[in-house]
Each structure stands twice: as C-alpha cells, then as structure tokens.
Amino acid sequence: MGERRKPILFGASFPFVIGFYLLLTQGLDIYLEPGLIFTIW
C-alpha cells in the first residue's frame, strides 16, 4: 500500500494480529502451540 510511517504500520498490524489470535483461540477454540520463542523464557 506504500505506507512508510512506522506508527501507522504498527498501529494497524498489532491489533489485527491480536484480534486474529483471539478469534482462533477463544472464538474457534483452536489450540495454538506457544512456539520456540515463548518456550525459552
């Protein structure tokens, strides 16, 4: 889309990702494995 302003990019992408994650885990009751990054902590 040609957008180069970082606040706009992050402001649009993070809510979309969080909403999609909540839709999968809470709405559709799909288990998502935590992944490698979150298992290290």
PDB file of N, CA and C in Angstrom:
ATOM      1  N   MET A   1       0.815  -1.194   0.000  1.00  0.00           N
ATOM      2  CA  MET A   1       0.000   0.000   0.000  1.00  0.00           C
ATOM      3  C   MET A   1       0.856   1.254   0.000  1.00  0.00           C
ATOM      4  N   GLY A   2       2.151   1.121   0.178  1.00  0.00           N
ATOM      5  CA  GLY A   2       3.020   2.278   0.097  1.00  0.00           C
ATOM      6  C   GLY A   2       3.157   3.055   1.399  1.00  0.00           C
ATOM      7  N   GLU A   3       2.609   2.553   2.480  1.00  0.00           N
ATOM      8  CA  GLU A   3       2.697   3.267   3.759  1.00  0.00           C
ATOM      9  C   GLU A   3       4.088   3.100   4.349  1.00  0.00           C
ATOM     10  N   ARG A   4       4.731   4.206   4.719  1.00  0.00           N
ATOM     11  CA  ARG A   4       6.093   4.163   5.245  1.00  0.00           C
ATOM     12  C   ARG A   4       6.188   4.674   6.680  1.00  0.00           C
ATOM     13  N   ARG A   5       5.124   5.229   7.214  1.00  0.00           N
ATOM     14  CA  ARG A   5       5.169   5.745   8.585  1.00  0.00           C
ATOM     15  C   ARG A   5       5.037   4.582   9.565  1.00  0.00           C
ATOM     16  N   LYS A   6       6.061   4.395  10.402  1.00  0.00           N
ATOM     17  CA  LYS A   6       6.105   3.247  11.315  1.00  0.00           C
ATOM     18  C   LYS A   6       4.962   3.227  12.324  1.00  0.00           C
ATOM     19  N   PRO A   7       4.558   4.354  12.922  1.00  0.00           N
ATOM     20  CA  PRO A   7       3.421   4.281  13.855  1.00  0.00           C
ATOM     21  C   PRO A   7       2.132   3.781  13.197  1.00  0.00           C
ATOM     22  N   ILE A   8       1.934   4.150  11.952  1.00  0.00           N
ATOM     23  CA  ILE A   8       0.740   3.675  11.238  1.00  0.00           C
ATOM     24  C   ILE A   8       0.846   2.181  10.969  1.00  0.00           C
ATOM     25  N   LEU A   9       2.043   1.734  10.575  1.00  0.00           N
ATOM     26  CA  LEU A   9       2.228   0.302  10.280  1.00  0.00           C
ATOM     27  C   LEU A   9       2.004  -0.552  11.517  1.00  0.00           C
ATOM     28  N   PHE A  10       2.643  -0.173  12.641  1.00  0.00           N
ATOM     29  CA  PHE A  10       2.489  -0.955  13.868  1.00  0.00           C
ATOM     30  C   PHE A  10       1.093  -0.787  14.457  1.00  0.00           C
ATOM     31  N   GLY A  11       0.538   0.391  14.342  1.00  0.00           N
ATOM     32  CA  GLY A  11      -0.813   0.627  14.857  1.00  0.00           C
ATOM     33  C   GLY A  11      -1.874  -0.161  14.125  1.00  0.00           C
ATOM     34  N   ALA A  12      -1.618  -0.494  12.878  1.00  0.00           N
ATOM     35  CA  ALA A  12      -2.583  -1.268  12.104  1.00  0.00           C
ATOM     36  C   ALA A  12      -2.328  -2.769  12.216  1.00  0.00           C
ATOM     37  N   SER A  13      -1.057  -3.170  12.367  1.00  0.00           N
ATOM     38  CA  SER A  13      -0.755  -4.598  12.328  1.00  0.00           C
ATOM     39  C   SER A  13      -0.982  -5.290  13.671  1.00  0.00           C
ATOM     40  N   PHE A  14      -0.577  -4.667  14.771  1.00  0.00           N
ATOM     41  CA  PHE A  14      -0.714  -5.328  16.068  1.00  0.00           C
ATOM     42  C   PHE A  14      -2.167  -5.622  16.450  1.00  0.00           C
ATOM     43  N   PRO A  15      -3.093  -4.679  16.326  1.00  0.00           N
ATOM     44  CA  PRO A  15      -4.497  -5.030  16.643  1.00  0.00           C
ATOM     45  C   PRO A  15      -5.046  -6.140  15.747  1.00  0.00           C
ATOM     46  N   PHE A  16      -4.635  -6.174  14.477  1.00  0.00           N
ATOM     47  CA  PHE A  16      -5.094  -7.223  13.576  1.00  0.00           C
ATOM     48  C   PHE A  16      -4.580  -8.591  14.024  1.00  0.00           C
ATOM     49  N   VAL A  17      -3.302  -8.665  14.393  1.00  0.00           N
ATOM     50  CA  VAL A  17      -2.713  -9.933  14.826  1.00  0.00           C
ATOM     51  C   VAL A  17      -3.345 -10.394  16.137  1.00  0.00           C
ATOM     52  N   ILE A  18      -3.506  -9.494  17.080  1.00  0.00           N
ATOM     53  CA  ILE A  18      -4.112  -9.851  18.369  1.00  0.00           C
ATOM     54  C   ILE A  18      -5.555 -10.286  18.175  1.00  0.00           C
ATOM     55  N   GLY A  19      -6.298  -9.577  17.321  1.00  0.00           N
ATOM     56  CA  GLY A  19      -7.684  -9.958  17.043  1.00  0.00           C
ATOM     57  C   GLY A  19      -7.781 -11.321  16.374  1.00  0.00           C
ATOM     58  N   PHE A  20      -6.884 -11.603  15.439  1.00  0.00           N
ATOM     59  CA  PHE A  20      -6.892 -12.899  14.761  1.00  0.00           C
ATOM     60  C   PHE A  20      -6.538 -14.018  15.733  1.00  0.00           C
ATOM     61  N   TYR A  21      -5.559 -13.754  16.618  1.00  0.00           N
ATOM     62  CA  TYR A  21      -5.178 -14.743  17.631  1.00  0.00           C
ATOM     63  C   TYR A  21      -6.355 -15.036  18.565  1.00  0.00           C
ATOM     64  N   LEU A  22      -7.034 -13.989  19.021  1.00  0.00           N
ATOM     65  CA  LEU A  22      -8.178 -14.187  19.909  1.00  0.00           C
ATOM     66  C   LEU A  22      -9.320 -14.900  19.203  1.00  0.00           C
ATOM     67  N   LEU A  23      -9.519 -14.616  17.932  1.00  0.00           N
ATOM     68  CA  LEU A  23     -10.557 -15.312  17.171  1.00  0.00           C
ATOM     69  C   LEU A  23     -10.264 -16.804  17.094  1.00  0.00           C
ATOM     70  N   LEU A  24      -9.008 -17.154  16.831  1.00  0.00           N
ATOM     71  CA  LEU A  24      -8.656 -18.569  16.727  1.00  0.00           C
ATOM     72  C   LEU A  24      -8.737 -19.268  18.082  1.00  0.00           C
ATOM     73  N   THR A  25      -8.171 -18.668  19.133  1.00  0.00           N
ATOM     74  CA  THR A  25      -8.071 -19.359  20.412  1.00  0.00           C
ATOM     75  C   THR A  25      -9.369 -19.305  21.212  1.00  0.00           C
ATOM     76  N   GLN A  26     -10.026 -18.168  21.224  1.00  0.00           N
ATOM     77  CA  GLN A  26     -11.231 -18.028  22.038  1.00  0.00           C
ATOM     78  C   GLN A  26     -12.506 -18.326  21.239  1.00  0.00           C
ATOM     79  N   GLY A  27     -12.601 -17.773  20.058  1.00  0.00           N
ATOM     80  CA  GLY A  27     -13.820 -17.921  19.265  1.00  0.00           C
ATOM     81  C   GLY A  27     -13.981 -19.296  18.646  1.00  0.00           C
ATOM     82  N   LEU A  28     -12.905 -19.806  18.037  1.00  0.00           N
ATOM     83  CA  LEU A  28     -12.986 -21.092  17.356  1.00  0.00           C
ATOM     84  C   LEU A  28     -12.428 -22.241  18.183  1.00  0.00           C
ATOM     85  N   ASP A  29     -11.886 -21.939  19.365  1.00  0.00           N
ATOM     86  CA  ASP A  29     -11.358 -22.931  20.303  1.00  0.00           C
ATOM     87  C   ASP A  29     -10.285 -23.811  19.647  1.00  0.00           C
ATOM     88  N   ILE A  30      -9.334 -23.152  18.979  1.00  0.00           N
ATOM     89  CA  ILE A  30      -8.218 -23.848  18.346  1.00  0.00           C
ATOM     90  C   ILE A  30      -6.992 -23.657  19.219  1.00  0.00           C
ATOM     91  N   TYR A  31      -6.305 -24.756  19.548  1.00  0.00           N
ATOM     92  CA  TYR A  31      -5.098 -24.671  20.369  1.00  0.00           C
ATOM     93  C   TYR A  31      -3.916 -24.310  19.483  1.00  0.00           C
ATOM     94  N   LEU A  32      -3.231 -23.240  19.840  1.00  0.00           N
ATOM     95  CA  LEU A  32      -2.018 -22.846  19.127  1.00  0.00           C
ATOM     96  C   LEU A  32      -0.830 -23.103  20.035  1.00  0.00           C
ATOM     97  N   GLU A  33       0.119 -23.869  19.548  1.00  0.00           N
ATOM     98  CA  GLU A  33       1.320 -24.167  20.318  1.00  0.00           C
ATOM     99  C   GLU A  33       2.105 -22.874  20.564  1.00  0.00           C
ATOM    100  N   PRO A  34       2.688 -22.696  21.764  1.00  0.00           N
ATOM    101  CA  PRO A  34       3.360 -21.433  22.071  1.00  0.00           C
ATOM    102  C   PRO A  34       4.519 -21.104  21.131  1.00  0.00           C
ATOM    103  N   GLY A  35       5.227 -22.080  20.644  1.00  0.00           N
ATOM    104  CA  GLY A  35       6.326 -21.815  19.726  1.00  0.00           C
ATOM    105  C   GLY A  35       7.658 -21.757  20.435  1.00  0.00           C
ATOM    106  N   LEU A  36       8.707 -21.642  19.668  1.00  0.00           N
ATOM    107  CA  LEU A  36      10.065 -21.688  20.196  1.00  0.00           C
ATOM    108  C   LEU A  36      10.414 -20.449  21.010  1.00  0.00           C
ATOM    109  N   ILE A  37       9.962 -19.294  20.602  1.00  0.00           N
ATOM    110  CA  ILE A  37      10.327 -18.052  21.300  1.00  0.00           C
ATOM    111  C   ILE A  37       9.769 -18.057  22.722  1.00  0.00           C
ATOM    112  N   PHE A  38       8.538 -18.481  22.906  1.00  0.00           N
ATOM    113  CA  PHE A  38       7.904 -18.404  24.222  1.00  0.00           C
ATOM    114  C   PHE A  38       8.270 -19.569  25.124  1.00  0.00           C
ATOM    115  N   THR A  39       8.836 -20.631  24.588  1.00  0.00           N
ATOM    116  CA  THR A  39       9.231 -21.762  25.447  1.00  0.00           C
ATOM    117  C   THR A  39      10.609 -21.552  26.055  1.00  0.00           C
ATOM    118  N   ILE A  40      11.393 -20.600  25.537  1.00  0.00           N
ATOM    119  CA  ILE A  40      12.720 -20.323  26.078  1.00  0.00           C
ATOM    120  C   ILE A  40      12.606 -19.609  27.427  1.00  0.00           C
ATOM    121  N   TRP A  41      11.662 -18.706  27.573  1.00  0.00           N
ATOM    122  CA  TRP A  41      11.522 -17.909  28.799  1.00  0.00           C
ATOM    123  C   TRP A  41      11.189 -18.795  29.928  1.00  0.00           C
TER     124      TRP A  41
END
